[in-house]
Amino acid sequence: MGFEGGVWRLVRREEPVGEIVVEEADFPWLHGRFVPGTAFPAVQPLFARSLALSEAEDWEAFDDAYDEIASTVSMLSPSGPVAEFLLHIQDDRAWFRWSDEPFEDADGPGGGEAGSAGPSAA
């Protein structure tokens, strides 16, 4: 499955949080342009906090912060809903990994090093 050019949608209930147009696939991460939707202002502080905690490598706090994102936002791939995802948004850039099955990492969504991959992690 080719990922480049695919549009992934984020929703909060039925409200559009935004779209990610995938520009690069660097397994397991996809990177792309983020286009905010009408619900993004309400959830943007959650993404800012999780990114700051990831950059600070505060994984315990990151996991708690990311749990709030995961309980608030759903991701839809071009072929339908995904079971789990780890998503960072900074300005008009987004990078994420996803799974059709829940992540098995016992350390939570950050998974230690997984949360640290930033926009330059290519």
Protein backbone atom coordinates (compact mmCIF):
# COMPACT_ATOMS: atom_id res chain seq x y z
CA MET A 1 0.00 0.00 0.00
CA GLY A 2 1.47 3.38 -1.02
CA PHE A 3 1.01 6.07 1.58
CA GLU A 4 2.21 9.23 -0.18
CA GLY A 5 -0.68 11.46 -1.19
CA GLY A 6 -3.12 9.68 1.10
CA VAL A 7 -5.38 11.83 3.25
CA TRP A 8 -5.88 10.77 6.87
CA ARG A 9 -8.66 12.44 8.83
CA LEU A 10 -8.90 13.28 12.51
CA VAL A 11 -12.28 13.69 14.17
CA ARG A 12 -13.62 14.52 17.60
CA ARG A 13 -16.98 12.80 17.72
CA GLU A 14 -18.30 13.94 14.33
CA GLU A 15 -16.38 17.23 14.21
CA PRO A 16 -13.39 17.55 11.87
CA VAL A 17 -10.14 18.07 13.80
CA GLY A 18 -8.07 18.10 10.64
CA GLU A 19 -6.54 16.25 7.76
CA ILE A 20 -3.03 14.98 7.18
CA VAL A 21 -1.84 14.76 3.60
CA VAL A 22 0.96 12.20 3.70
CA GLU A 23 4.11 13.37 1.96
CA GLU A 24 6.66 10.86 3.25
CA ALA A 25 6.61 7.31 4.58
CA ASP A 26 9.52 6.39 6.85
CA PHE A 27 8.38 3.15 8.50
CA PRO A 28 6.83 3.10 11.02
CA TRP A 29 6.23 6.86 10.75
CA LEU A 30 4.20 8.77 8.17
CA HIS A 31 4.88 12.49 7.78
CA GLY A 32 2.72 15.10 6.12
CA ARG A 33 1.04 18.45 5.91
CA PHE A 34 -1.59 19.13 8.55
CA VAL A 35 -4.70 21.08 7.59
CA PRO A 36 -6.70 22.02 10.71
CA GLY A 37 -10.44 21.51 10.90
CA THR A 38 -13.05 23.38 12.91
CA ALA A 39 -12.49 21.28 16.06
CA PHE A 40 -8.70 21.71 16.11
CA PRO A 41 -8.57 24.81 18.35
CA ALA A 42 -10.28 22.83 21.13
CA VAL A 43 -7.69 20.03 21.03
CA GLN A 44 -4.56 21.91 19.97
CA PRO A 45 -3.39 22.40 23.61
CA LEU A 46 -3.42 18.61 24.05
CA PHE A 47 -1.06 18.16 21.11
CA ALA A 48 1.19 21.02 22.24
CA ARG A 49 1.49 19.50 25.71
CA SER A 50 2.21 15.98 24.48
CA LEU A 51 4.87 17.26 22.06
CA ALA A 52 6.57 19.29 24.79
CA LEU A 53 6.61 16.27 27.11
CA SER A 54 7.97 14.07 24.32
CA GLU A 55 10.76 16.54 23.60
CA ALA A 56 11.52 16.66 27.35
CA GLU A 57 11.56 12.84 27.38
CA ASP A 58 9.12 12.84 30.31
CA TRP A 59 7.54 9.56 29.23
CA GLU A 60 5.31 9.01 32.25
CA ALA A 61 3.70 12.45 31.88
CA PHE A 62 3.64 12.00 28.10
CA ASP A 63 1.69 8.75 28.41
CA ASP A 64 -0.90 10.46 30.62
CA ALA A 65 -1.17 13.42 28.24
CA TYR A 66 -1.43 11.17 25.20
CA ASP A 67 -4.16 9.11 26.82
CA GLU A 68 -6.24 12.28 26.77
CA ILE A 69 -5.62 12.71 23.04
CA ALA A 70 -6.49 9.08 22.35
CA SER A 71 -9.75 9.38 24.27
CA THR A 72 -10.70 12.62 22.49
CA VAL A 73 -9.63 12.18 18.85
CA SER A 74 -10.15 9.36 16.36
CA MET A 75 -8.09 8.76 13.22
CA LEU A 76 -9.42 7.56 9.90
CA SER A 77 -7.05 6.21 7.26
CA PRO A 78 -7.99 6.42 3.59
CA SER A 79 -9.48 2.93 4.03
CA GLY A 80 -11.26 3.47 7.36
CA PRO A 81 -10.81 3.80 11.13
CA VAL A 82 -7.54 2.81 12.78
CA ALA A 83 -7.45 1.03 16.14
CA GLU A 84 -4.58 3.01 17.60
CA PHE A 85 -2.21 5.79 16.61
CA LEU A 86 0.59 7.93 17.96
CA LEU A 87 0.36 11.42 16.47
CA HIS A 88 2.32 14.63 16.84
CA ILE A 89 1.23 17.95 15.34
CA GLN A 90 3.42 21.03 15.18
CA ASP A 91 2.25 24.02 13.17
CA ASP A 92 1.33 22.70 9.71
CA ARG A 93 3.28 19.44 10.08
CA ALA A 94 2.11 16.09 11.44
CA TRP A 95 3.86 12.78 11.94
CA PHE A 96 2.32 9.59 13.18
CA ARG A 97 2.39 5.84 13.34
CA TRP A 98 -0.73 3.70 13.41
CA SER A 99 -2.01 0.18 13.78
CA ASP A 100 -5.09 -1.80 12.86
CA GLU A 101 -4.63 -3.51 16.25
CA PRO A 102 -3.94 -1.91 19.65
CA PHE A 103 -0.25 -1.26 20.31
CA GLU A 104 1.26 -4.05 22.38
CA ASP A 105 3.93 -1.85 23.97
CA ALA A 106 3.42 -2.10 27.74
CA ASP A 107 4.97 1.35 28.17
CA GLY A 108 1.94 3.04 26.63
CA PRO A 109 1.57 5.12 23.47
CA GLY A 110 4.93 6.84 23.82
CA GLY A 111 6.72 3.55 24.03
CA GLY A 112 9.85 5.28 25.26
CA GLU A 113 11.72 6.09 22.07
CA ALA A 114 8.57 6.07 19.91
CA GLY A 115 7.37 9.34 21.35
CA SER A 116 10.66 11.04 20.66
CA ALA A 117 10.54 10.86 16.88
CA GLY A 118 10.13 14.42 15.67
CA PRO A 119 9.67 16.04 12.31
CA SER A 120 13.37 15.70 11.61
CA ALA A 121 13.39 11.98 12.44
CA ALA A 122 13.62 10.65 8.93
